[in-house]
Amino acid sequence: MYLVHVHVQPPVHGVLLPSGTADAVAACGRDVTGVEHVVVHADTHPHPVIGVYISAATLKAAEETAVTLWHHTLLHHHWLHPWTLLRAEVPLIPIDADRPGMS
């Protein structure tokens, strides 16, 4: 399972993702293999982020599935057309080797 962050740019700086975005993306996720859960962070800076939990064999496959999901969502929810996909990536979290239990 991977958490993929889909970064999108608003049509106008400062505009938040519409309140129905999570439901719209999740509904379209039923048609895309591997999509498990969707969460929206509408006020993330500098751009809103759609978090998608995806079951996939590889990180690359998960990221590709997230892009497919975004495009599928645009086909069915035209009100999201003004939003631009910037990137879809699994956030890499550094591990602090100095913390106890991390060596």
PDB file of N, CA and C in Angstrom:
ATOM      1  N   MET A   1       0.856  -1.181   0.000  1.00  0.00           N
ATOM      2  CA  MET A   1       0.000   0.000   0.000  1.00  0.00           C
ATOM      3  C   MET A   1       0.895   1.234   0.000  1.00  0.00           C
ATOM      4  N   TYR A   2       0.533   2.169  -0.843  1.00  0.00           N
ATOM      5  CA  TYR A   2       1.270   3.426  -0.948  1.00  0.00           C
ATOM      6  C   TYR A   2       0.317   4.591  -0.749  1.00  0.00           C
ATOM      7  N   LEU A   3       0.832   5.654  -0.137  1.00  0.00           N
ATOM      8  CA  LEU A   3       0.122   6.918  -0.070  1.00  0.00           C
ATOM      9  C   LEU A   3       0.740   7.808  -1.135  1.00  0.00           C
ATOM     10  N   VAL A   4      -0.052   8.173  -2.134  1.00  0.00           N
ATOM     11  CA  VAL A   4       0.429   9.044  -3.204  1.00  0.00           C
ATOM     12  C   VAL A   4      -0.189  10.418  -3.009  1.00  0.00           C
ATOM     13  N   HIS A   5       0.646  11.446  -3.049  1.00  0.00           N
ATOM     14  CA  HIS A   5       0.165  12.816  -2.978  1.00  0.00           C
ATOM     15  C   HIS A   5       0.005  13.347  -4.395  1.00  0.00           C
ATOM     16  N   VAL A   6      -1.212  13.728  -4.735  1.00  0.00           N
ATOM     17  CA  VAL A   6      -1.509  14.335  -6.028  1.00  0.00           C
ATOM     18  C   VAL A   6      -1.578  15.845  -5.789  1.00  0.00           C
ATOM     19  N   HIS A   7      -0.584  16.558  -6.305  1.00  0.00           N
ATOM     20  CA  HIS A   7      -0.505  18.005  -6.128  1.00  0.00           C
ATOM     21  C   HIS A   7      -1.204  18.677  -7.299  1.00  0.00           C
ATOM     22  N   VAL A   8      -2.145  19.563  -6.985  1.00  0.00           N
ATOM     23  CA  VAL A   8      -2.884  20.261  -8.028  1.00  0.00           C
ATOM     24  C   VAL A   8      -2.804  21.765  -7.814  1.00  0.00           C
ATOM     25  N   GLN A   9      -2.809  22.477  -8.918  1.00  0.00           N
ATOM     26  CA  GLN A   9      -2.725  23.932  -8.869  1.00  0.00           C
ATOM     27  C   GLN A   9      -4.102  24.522  -9.137  1.00  0.00           C
ATOM     28  N   PRO A  10      -4.520  25.470  -8.299  1.00  0.00           N
ATOM     29  CA  PRO A  10      -5.833  26.079  -8.505  1.00  0.00           C
ATOM     30  C   PRO A  10      -5.833  26.991  -9.730  1.00  0.00           C
ATOM     31  N   PRO A  11      -7.018  27.247 -10.276  1.00  0.00           N
ATOM     32  CA  PRO A  11      -7.113  28.139 -11.423  1.00  0.00           C
ATOM     33  C   PRO A  11      -6.716  29.570 -11.066  1.00  0.00           C
ATOM     34  N   VAL A  12      -6.917  29.922  -9.803  1.00  0.00           N
ATOM     35  CA  VAL A  12      -6.545  31.240  -9.289  1.00  0.00           C
ATOM     36  C   VAL A  12      -5.854  31.022  -7.951  1.00  0.00           C
ATOM     37  N   HIS A  13      -4.736  31.696  -7.736  1.00  0.00           N
ATOM     38  CA  HIS A  13      -3.981  31.533  -6.490  1.00  0.00           C
ATOM     39  C   HIS A  13      -4.889  31.736  -5.274  1.00  0.00           C
ATOM     40  N   GLY A  14      -4.787  30.817  -4.322  1.00  0.00           N
ATOM     41  CA  GLY A  14      -5.523  30.933  -3.079  1.00  0.00           C
ATOM     42  C   GLY A  14      -6.880  30.259  -3.066  1.00  0.00           C
ATOM     43  N   VAL A  15      -7.348  29.784  -4.207  1.00  0.00           N
ATOM     44  CA  VAL A  15      -8.641  29.106  -4.267  1.00  0.00           C
ATOM     45  C   VAL A  15      -8.489  27.707  -3.683  1.00  0.00           C
ATOM     46  N   LEU A  16      -9.438  27.296  -2.839  1.00  0.00           N
ATOM     47  CA  LEU A  16      -9.418  25.970  -2.242  1.00  0.00           C
ATOM     48  C   LEU A  16     -10.134  24.972  -3.147  1.00  0.00           C
ATOM     49  N   LEU A  17      -9.727  23.722  -3.044  1.00  0.00           N
ATOM     50  CA  LEU A  17     -10.451  22.675  -3.771  1.00  0.00           C
ATOM     51  C   LEU A  17     -11.899  22.670  -3.309  1.00  0.00           C
ATOM     52  N   PRO A  18     -12.839  22.471  -4.224  1.00  0.00           N
ATOM     53  CA  PRO A  18     -14.250  22.431  -3.823  1.00  0.00           C
ATOM     54  C   PRO A  18     -14.506  21.334  -2.795  1.00  0.00           C
ATOM     55  N   SER A  19     -15.509  21.541  -1.961  1.00  0.00           N
ATOM     56  CA  SER A  19     -15.785  20.622  -0.860  1.00  0.00           C
ATOM     57  C   SER A  19     -16.125  19.208  -1.316  1.00  0.00           C
ATOM     58  N   GLY A  20     -16.618  19.019  -2.512  1.00  0.00           N
ATOM     59  CA  GLY A  20     -16.975  17.687  -2.988  1.00  0.00           C
ATOM     60  C   GLY A  20     -15.855  16.930  -3.669  1.00  0.00           C
ATOM     61  N   THR A  21     -14.654  17.472  -3.638  1.00  0.00           N
ATOM     62  CA  THR A  21     -13.538  16.857  -4.368  1.00  0.00           C
ATOM     63  C   THR A  21     -13.217  15.448  -3.871  1.00  0.00           C
ATOM     64  N   ALA A  22     -13.124  15.253  -2.578  1.00  0.00           N
ATOM     65  CA  ALA A  22     -12.775  13.929  -2.046  1.00  0.00           C
ATOM     66  C   ALA A  22     -13.797  12.884  -2.485  1.00  0.00           C
ATOM     67  N   ASP A  23     -15.073  13.230  -2.394  1.00  0.00           N
ATOM     68  CA  ASP A  23     -16.121  12.291  -2.802  1.00  0.00           C
ATOM     69  C   ASP A  23     -16.055  12.002  -4.296  1.00  0.00           C
ATOM     70  N   ALA A  24     -15.795  13.031  -5.099  1.00  0.00           N
ATOM     71  CA  ALA A  24     -15.723  12.850  -6.550  1.00  0.00           C
ATOM     72  C   ALA A  24     -14.561  11.935  -6.928  1.00  0.00           C
ATOM     73  N   VAL A  25     -13.396  12.181  -6.339  1.00  0.00           N
ATOM     74  CA  VAL A  25     -12.218  11.363  -6.647  1.00  0.00           C
ATOM     75  C   VAL A  25     -12.429   9.934  -6.141  1.00  0.00           C
ATOM     76  N   ALA A  26     -12.971   9.800  -4.942  1.00  0.00           N
ATOM     77  CA  ALA A  26     -13.214   8.461  -4.385  1.00  0.00           C
ATOM     78  C   ALA A  26     -14.208   7.678  -5.243  1.00  0.00           C
ATOM     79  N   ALA A  27     -15.248   8.339  -5.716  1.00  0.00           N
ATOM     80  CA  ALA A  27     -16.230   7.668  -6.571  1.00  0.00           C
ATOM     81  C   ALA A  27     -15.575   7.172  -7.855  1.00  0.00           C
ATOM     82  N   CYS A  28     -14.711   7.972  -8.437  1.00  0.00           N
ATOM     83  CA  CYS A  28     -14.002   7.553  -9.649  1.00  0.00           C
ATOM     84  C   CYS A  28     -12.983   6.467  -9.334  1.00  0.00           C
ATOM     85  N   GLY A  29     -12.505   6.431  -8.115  1.00  0.00           N
ATOM     86  CA  GLY A  29     -11.550   5.412  -7.695  1.00  0.00           C
ATOM     87  C   GLY A  29     -12.123   4.010  -7.722  1.00  0.00           C
ATOM     88  N   ARG A  30     -13.432   3.908  -7.669  1.00  0.00           N
ATOM     89  CA  ARG A  30     -14.056   2.583  -7.752  1.00  0.00           C
ATOM     90  C   ARG A  30     -13.818   1.939  -9.115  1.00  0.00           C
ATOM     91  N   ASP A  31     -13.521   2.774 -10.123  1.00  0.00           N
ATOM     92  CA  ASP A  31     -13.277   2.274 -11.479  1.00  0.00           C
ATOM     93  C   ASP A  31     -11.785   2.100 -11.790  1.00  0.00           C
ATOM     94  N   VAL A  32     -10.926   2.425 -10.840  1.00  0.00           N
ATOM     95  CA  VAL A  32      -9.476   2.349 -11.056  1.00  0.00           C
ATOM     96  C   VAL A  32      -8.907   1.313 -10.081  1.00  0.00           C
ATOM     97  N   THR A  33      -8.299   0.286 -10.622  1.00  0.00           N
ATOM     98  CA  THR A  33      -7.763  -0.812  -9.813  1.00  0.00           C
ATOM     99  C   THR A  33      -6.713  -0.317  -8.826  1.00  0.00           C
ATOM    100  N   GLY A  34      -6.884  -0.715  -7.569  1.00  0.00           N
ATOM    101  CA  GLY A  34      -5.892  -0.427  -6.539  1.00  0.00           C
ATOM    102  C   GLY A  34      -6.225   0.736  -5.638  1.00  0.00           C
ATOM    103  N   VAL A  35      -7.159   1.592  -6.027  1.00  0.00           N
ATOM    104  CA  VAL A  35      -7.482   2.756  -5.201  1.00  0.00           C
ATOM    105  C   VAL A  35      -8.278   2.294  -3.986  1.00  0.00           C
ATOM    106  N   GLU A  36      -7.762   2.622  -2.796  1.00  0.00           N
ATOM    107  CA  GLU A  36      -8.367   2.174  -1.537  1.00  0.00           C
ATOM    108  C   GLU A  36      -9.079   3.292  -0.778  1.00  0.00           C
ATOM    109  N   HIS A  37      -8.492   4.492  -0.775  1.00  0.00           N
ATOM    110  CA  HIS A  37      -9.039   5.578   0.045  1.00  0.00           C
ATOM    111  C   HIS A  37      -8.519   6.909  -0.495  1.00  0.00           C
ATOM    112  N   VAL A  38      -9.334   7.951  -0.348  1.00  0.00           N
ATOM    113  CA  VAL A  38      -8.964   9.289  -0.814  1.00  0.00           C
ATOM    114  C   VAL A  38      -9.205  10.283   0.312  1.00  0.00           C
ATOM    115  N   VAL A  39      -8.263  11.201   0.481  1.00  0.00           N
ATOM    116  CA  VAL A  39      -8.409  12.291   1.443  1.00  0.00           C
ATOM    117  C   VAL A  39      -7.896  13.568   0.768  1.00  0.00           C
ATOM    118  N   VAL A  40      -8.537  14.686   1.064  1.00  0.00           N
ATOM    119  CA  VAL A  40      -8.145  15.955   0.452  1.00  0.00           C
ATOM    120  C   VAL A  40      -7.610  16.891   1.523  1.00  0.00           C
ATOM    121  N   HIS A  41      -6.480  17.512   1.216  1.00  0.00           N
ATOM    122  CA  HIS A  41      -5.903  18.563   2.057  1.00  0.00           C
ATOM    123  C   HIS A  41      -6.033  19.844   1.254  1.00  0.00           C
ATOM    124  N   ALA A  42      -7.184  20.485   1.366  1.00  0.00           N
ATOM    125  CA  ALA A  42      -7.514  21.629   0.518  1.00  0.00           C
ATOM    126  C   ALA A  42      -6.681  22.868   0.813  1.00  0.00           C
ATOM    127  N   ASP A  43      -6.144  22.975   2.019  1.00  0.00           N
ATOM    128  CA  ASP A  43      -5.428  24.196   2.403  1.00  0.00           C
ATOM    129  C   ASP A  43      -3.919  24.001   2.513  1.00  0.00           C
ATOM    130  N   THR A  44      -3.387  22.952   1.889  1.00  0.00           N
ATOM    131  CA  THR A  44      -1.943  22.716   1.900  1.00  0.00           C
ATOM    132  C   THR A  44      -1.247  23.753   1.023  1.00  0.00           C
ATOM    133  N   HIS A  45      -0.118  24.251   1.491  1.00  0.00           N
ATOM    134  CA  HIS A  45       0.624  25.258   0.724  1.00  0.00           C
ATOM    135  C   HIS A  45       1.898  24.640   0.180  1.00  0.00           C
ATOM    136  N   PRO A  46       2.361  24.978  -0.993  1.00  0.00           N
ATOM    137  CA  PRO A  46       1.806  26.037  -1.826  1.00  0.00           C
ATOM    138  C   PRO A  46       0.627  25.597  -2.686  1.00  0.00           C
ATOM    139  N   HIS A  47       0.315  24.287  -2.732  1.00  0.00           N
ATOM    140  CA  HIS A  47      -0.796  23.804  -3.549  1.00  0.00           C
ATOM    141  C   HIS A  47      -1.605  22.769  -2.771  1.00  0.00           C
ATOM    142  N   PRO A  48      -2.892  22.675  -3.059  1.00  0.00           N
ATOM    143  CA  PRO A  48      -3.702  21.625  -2.439  1.00  0.00           C
ATOM    144  C   PRO A  48      -3.176  20.238  -2.816  1.00  0.00           C
ATOM    145  N   VAL A  49      -3.423  19.277  -1.936  1.00  0.00           N
ATOM    146  CA  VAL A  49      -2.957  17.903  -2.148  1.00  0.00           C
ATOM    147  C   VAL A  49      -4.133  16.949  -1.964  1.00  0.00           C
ATOM    148  N   ILE A  50      -4.226  15.991  -2.882  1.00  0.00           N
ATOM    149  CA  ILE A  50      -5.187  14.908  -2.760  1.00  0.00           C
ATOM    150  C   ILE A  50      -4.378  13.673  -2.397  1.00  0.00           C
ATOM    151  N   GLY A  51      -4.630  13.118  -1.234  1.00  0.00           N
ATOM    152  CA  GLY A  51      -3.923  11.916  -0.803  1.00  0.00           C
ATOM    153  C   GLY A  51      -4.701  10.690  -1.231  1.00  0.00           C
ATOM    154  N   VAL A  52      -4.028   9.781  -1.940  1.00  0.00           N
ATOM    155  CA  VAL A  52      -4.690   8.579  -2.438  1.00  0.00           C
ATOM    156  C   VAL A  52      -3.918   7.362  -1.938  1.00  0.00           C
ATOM    157  N   TYR A  53      -4.607   6.498  -1.205  1.00  0.00           N
ATOM    158  CA  TYR A  53      -4.010   5.242  -0.761  1.00  0.00           C
ATOM    159  C   TYR A  53      -4.253   4.210  -1.857  1.00  0.00           C
ATOM    160  N   ILE A  54      -3.152   3.621  -2.341  1.00  0.00           N
ATOM    161  CA  ILE A  54      -3.221   2.730  -3.494  1.00  0.00           C
ATOM    162  C   ILE A  54      -2.479   1.433  -3.200  1.00  0.00           C
ATOM    163  N   SER A  55      -3.135   0.322  -3.490  1.00  0.00           N
ATOM    164  CA  SER A  55      -2.476  -0.990  -3.443  1.00  0.00           C
ATOM    165  C   SER A  55      -1.841  -1.208  -4.810  1.00  0.00           C
ATOM    166  N   ALA A  56      -0.524  -1.350  -4.827  1.00  0.00           N
ATOM    167  CA  ALA A  56       0.195  -1.548  -6.080  1.00  0.00           C
ATOM    168  C   ALA A  56       1.469  -2.323  -5.794  1.00  0.00           C
ATOM    169  N   ALA A  57       2.014  -2.943  -6.828  1.00  0.00           N
ATOM    170  CA  ALA A  57       3.225  -3.751  -6.679  1.00  0.00           C
ATOM    171  C   ALA A  57       4.471  -2.901  -6.474  1.00  0.00           C
ATOM    172  N   THR A  58       4.484  -1.696  -7.052  1.00  0.00           N
ATOM    173  CA  THR A  58       5.668  -0.843  -6.955  1.00  0.00           C
ATOM    174  C   THR A  58       5.258   0.606  -6.708  1.00  0.00           C
ATOM    175  N   LEU A  59       6.212   1.385  -6.247  1.00  0.00           N
ATOM    176  CA  LEU A  59       5.993   2.810  -6.040  1.00  0.00           C
ATOM    177  C   LEU A  59       5.615   3.473  -7.364  1.00  0.00           C
ATOM    178  N   LYS A  60       6.333   3.155  -8.422  1.00  0.00           N
ATOM    179  CA  LYS A  60       6.056   3.742  -9.737  1.00  0.00           C
ATOM    180  C   LYS A  60       4.633   3.412 -10.192  1.00  0.00           C
ATOM    181  N   ALA A  61       4.208   2.174 -10.000  1.00  0.00           N
ATOM    182  CA  ALA A  61       2.852   1.773 -10.391  1.00  0.00           C
ATOM    183  C   ALA A  61       1.810   2.552  -9.585  1.00  0.00           C
ATOM    184  N   ALA A  62       2.070   2.785  -8.312  1.00  0.00           N
ATOM    185  CA  ALA A  62       1.142   3.546  -7.476  1.00  0.00           C
ATOM    186  C   ALA A  62       1.026   4.981  -7.978  1.00  0.00           C
ATOM    187  N   GLU A  63       2.156   5.590  -8.308  1.00  0.00           N
ATOM    188  CA  GLU A  63       2.131   6.963  -8.821  1.00  0.00           C
ATOM    189  C   GLU A  63       1.400   7.041 -10.157  1.00  0.00           C
ATOM    190  N   GLU A  64       1.626   6.064 -11.015  1.00  0.00           N
ATOM    191  CA  GLU A  64       0.932   6.029 -12.309  1.00  0.00           C
ATOM    192  C   GLU A  64      -0.567   5.837 -12.120  1.00  0.00           C
ATOM    193  N   THR A  65      -0.955   5.033 -11.147  1.00  0.00           N
ATOM    194  CA  THR A  65      -2.374   4.827 -10.860  1.00  0.00           C
ATOM    195  C   THR A  65      -3.015   6.126 -10.388  1.00  0.00           C
ATOM    196  N   ALA A  66      -2.304   6.895  -9.588  1.00  0.00           N
ATOM    197  CA  ALA A  66      -2.835   8.173  -9.108  1.00  0.00           C
ATOM    198  C   ALA A  66      -3.061   9.145 -10.266  1.00  0.00           C
ATOM    199  N   VAL A  67      -2.154   9.172 -11.221  1.00  0.00           N
ATOM    200  CA  VAL A  67      -2.324  10.037 -12.401  1.00  0.00           C
ATOM    201  C   VAL A  67      -3.536   9.568 -13.204  1.00  0.00           C
ATOM    202  N   THR A  68      -3.656   8.259 -13.386  1.00  0.00           N
ATOM    203  CA  THR A  68      -4.813   7.704 -14.094  1.00  0.00           C
ATOM    204  C   THR A  68      -6.104   8.094 -13.383  1.00  0.00           C
ATOM    205  N   LEU A  69      -6.110   8.009 -12.073  1.00  0.00           N
ATOM    206  CA  LEU A  69      -7.284   8.373 -11.294  1.00  0.00           C
ATOM    207  C   LEU A  69      -7.646   9.835 -11.513  1.00  0.00           C
ATOM    208  N   TRP A  70      -6.662  10.723 -11.494  1.00  0.00           N
ATOM    209  CA  TRP A  70      -6.929  12.151 -11.703  1.00  0.00           C
ATOM    210  C   TRP A  70      -7.569  12.375 -13.074  1.00  0.00           C
ATOM    211  N   HIS A  71      -7.002  11.768 -14.111  1.00  0.00           N
ATOM    212  CA  HIS A  71      -7.554  11.943 -15.456  1.00  0.00           C
ATOM    213  C   HIS A  71      -8.965  11.346 -15.556  1.00  0.00           C
ATOM    214  N   HIS A  72      -9.183  10.225 -14.927  1.00  0.00           N
ATOM    215  CA  HIS A  72     -10.511   9.599 -14.902  1.00  0.00           C
ATOM    216  C   HIS A  72     -11.510  10.520 -14.192  1.00  0.00           C
ATOM    217  N   THR A  73     -11.068  11.135 -13.116  1.00  0.00           N
ATOM    218  CA  THR A  73     -11.926  12.061 -12.378  1.00  0.00           C
ATOM    219  C   THR A  73     -12.315  13.253 -13.240  1.00  0.00           C
ATOM    220  N   LEU A  74     -11.362  13.774 -14.007  1.00  0.00           N
ATOM    221  CA  LEU A  74     -11.658  14.922 -14.871  1.00  0.00           C
ATOM    222  C   LEU A  74     -12.688  14.579 -15.940  1.00  0.00           C
ATOM    223  N   LEU A  75     -12.682  13.333 -16.402  1.00  0.00           N
ATOM    224  CA  LEU A  75     -13.663  12.908 -17.407  1.00  0.00           C
ATOM    225  C   LEU A  75     -15.090  12.983 -16.875  1.00  0.00           C
ATOM    226  N   HIS A  76     -15.253  12.735 -15.579  1.00  0.00           N
ATOM    227  CA  HIS A  76     -16.585  12.651 -14.988  1.00  0.00           C
ATOM    228  C   HIS A  76     -16.998  13.870 -14.180  1.00  0.00           C
ATOM    229  N   HIS A  77     -16.056  14.721 -13.864  1.00  0.00           N
ATOM    230  CA  HIS A  77     -16.355  15.896 -13.029  1.00  0.00           C
ATOM    231  C   HIS A  77     -15.715  17.129 -13.664  1.00  0.00           C
ATOM    232  N   HIS A  78     -16.440  17.692 -14.612  1.00  0.00           N
ATOM    233  CA  HIS A  78     -15.912  18.804 -15.400  1.00  0.00           C
ATOM    234  C   HIS A  78     -15.606  20.048 -14.566  1.00  0.00           C
ATOM    235  N   TRP A  79     -16.217  20.160 -13.399  1.00  0.00           N
ATOM    236  CA  TRP A  79     -15.966  21.313 -12.542  1.00  0.00           C
ATOM    237  C   TRP A  79     -14.534  21.318 -11.998  1.00  0.00           C
ATOM    238  N   LEU A  80     -13.801  20.216 -12.167  1.00  0.00           N
ATOM    239  CA  LEU A  80     -12.388  20.176 -11.752  1.00  0.00           C
ATOM    240  C   LEU A  80     -11.436  20.516 -12.906  1.00  0.00           C
ATOM    241  N   HIS A  81     -11.960  20.730 -14.102  1.00  0.00           N
ATOM    242  CA  HIS A  81     -11.103  21.031 -15.262  1.00  0.00           C
ATOM    243  C   HIS A  81     -10.167  22.216 -15.050  1.00  0.00           C
ATOM    244  N   PRO A  82     -10.571  23.265 -14.350  1.00  0.00           N
ATOM    245  CA  PRO A  82      -9.649  24.394 -14.174  1.00  0.00           C
ATOM    246  C   PRO A  82      -8.412  24.072 -13.317  1.00  0.00           C
ATOM    247  N   TRP A  83      -8.435  22.942 -12.624  1.00  0.00           N
ATOM    248  CA  TRP A  83      -7.319  22.560 -11.761  1.00  0.00           C
ATOM    249  C   TRP A  83      -6.271  21.824 -12.584  1.00  0.00           C
ATOM    250  N   THR A  84      -4.998  22.152 -12.345  1.00  0.00           N
ATOM    251  CA  THR A  84      -3.894  21.573 -13.110  1.00  0.00           C
ATOM    252  C   THR A  84      -3.131  20.565 -12.256  1.00  0.00           C
ATOM    253  N   LEU A  85      -2.942  19.364 -12.792  1.00  0.00           N
ATOM    254  CA  LEU A  85      -2.115  18.364 -12.121  1.00  0.00           C
ATOM    255  C   LEU A  85      -0.657  18.797 -12.213  1.00  0.00           C
ATOM    256  N   LEU A  86      -0.013  18.954 -11.068  1.00  0.00           N
ATOM    257  CA  LEU A  86       1.403  19.321 -11.033  1.00  0.00           C
ATOM    258  C   LEU A  86       2.291  18.083 -10.967  1.00  0.00           C
ATOM    259  N   ARG A  87       1.928  17.167 -10.074  1.00  0.00           N
ATOM    260  CA  ARG A  87       2.699  15.926  -9.932  1.00  0.00           C
ATOM    261  C   ARG A  87       1.934  14.973  -9.022  1.00  0.00           C
ATOM    262  N   ALA A  88       2.270  13.704  -9.151  1.00  0.00           N
ATOM    263  CA  ALA A  88       1.729  12.676  -8.267  1.00  0.00           C
ATOM    264  C   ALA A  88       2.916  11.869  -7.788  1.00  0.00           C
ATOM    265  N   GLU A  89       3.155  11.898  -6.479  1.00  0.00           N
ATOM    266  CA  GLU A  89       4.346  11.237  -5.955  1.00  0.00           C
ATOM    267  C   GLU A  89       4.120  10.724  -4.549  1.00  0.00           C
ATOM    268  N   VAL A  90       4.804   9.634  -4.257  1.00  0.00           N
ATOM    269  CA  VAL A  90       4.804   9.099  -2.903  1.00  0.00           C
ATOM    270  C   VAL A  90       5.772   9.957  -2.099  1.00  0.00           C
ATOM    271  N   PRO A  91       5.311  10.561  -1.001  1.00  0.00           N
ATOM    272  CA  PRO A  91       6.232  11.367  -0.198  1.00  0.00           C
ATOM    273  C   PRO A  91       7.247  10.460   0.493  1.00  0.00           C
ATOM    274  N   LEU A  92       8.493  10.780   0.327  1.00  0.00           N
ATOM    275  CA  LEU A  92       9.548  10.001   0.970  1.00  0.00           C
ATOM    276  C   LEU A  92       9.855  10.634   2.319  1.00  0.00           C
ATOM    277  N   ILE A  93       9.796   9.828   3.352  1.00  0.00           N
ATOM    278  CA  ILE A  93       9.982  10.319   4.712  1.00  0.00           C
ATOM    279  C   ILE A  93      11.349   9.877   5.211  1.00  0.00           C
ATOM    280  N   PRO A  94      12.222  10.844   5.539  1.00  0.00           N
ATOM    281  CA  PRO A  94      13.550  10.463   6.030  1.00  0.00           C
ATOM    282  C   PRO A  94      13.460   9.825   7.412  1.00  0.00           C
ATOM    283  N   ILE A  95      14.295   8.837   7.625  1.00  0.00           N
ATOM    284  CA  ILE A  95      14.363   8.176   8.923  1.00  0.00           C
ATOM    285  C   ILE A  95      15.573   8.721   9.663  1.00  0.00           C
ATOM    286  N   ASP A  96      15.360   9.141  10.892  1.00  0.00           N
ATOM    287  CA  ASP A  96      16.424   9.687  11.714  1.00  0.00           C
ATOM    288  C   ASP A  96      17.183   8.531  12.358  1.00  0.00           C
ATOM    289  N   ALA A  97      18.393   8.252  11.885  1.00  0.00           N
ATOM    290  CA  ALA A  97      19.196   7.134  12.372  1.00  0.00           C
ATOM    291  C   ALA A  97      19.624   7.330  13.823  1.00  0.00           C
ATOM    292  N   ASP A  98      19.537   8.563  14.350  1.00  0.00           N
ATOM    293  CA  ASP A  98      19.945   8.839  15.726  1.00  0.00           C
ATOM    294  C   ASP A  98      18.844   8.542  16.744  1.00  0.00           C
ATOM    295  N   ARG A  99      17.622   8.302  16.263  1.00  0.00           N
ATOM    296  CA  ARG A  99      16.539   8.001  17.196  1.00  0.00           C
ATOM    297  C   ARG A  99      16.669   6.574  17.713  1.00  0.00           C
ATOM    298  N   PRO A 100      16.344   6.347  18.977  1.00  0.00           N
ATOM    299  CA  PRO A 100      16.416   4.988  19.528  1.00  0.00           C
ATOM    300  C   PRO A 100      15.533   4.028  18.724  1.00  0.00           C
ATOM    301  N   GLY A 101      16.054   2.850  18.485  1.00  0.00           N
ATOM    302  CA  GLY A 101      15.304   1.842  17.768  1.00  0.00           C
ATOM    303  C   GLY A 101      15.380   1.976  16.260  1.00  0.00           C
ATOM    304  N   MET A 102      16.146   2.944  15.760  1.00  0.00           N
ATOM    305  CA  MET A 102      16.213   3.187  14.322  1.00  0.00           C
ATOM    306  C   MET A 102      17.555   2.732  13.733  1.00  0.00           C
ATOM    307  N   SER A 103      18.323   1.983  14.446  1.00  0.00           N
ATOM    308  CA  SER A 103      19.623   1.569  13.891  1.00  0.00           C
ATOM    309  C   SER A 103      19.642   0.103  13.596  1.00  0.00           C
TER     310      SER A 103
END
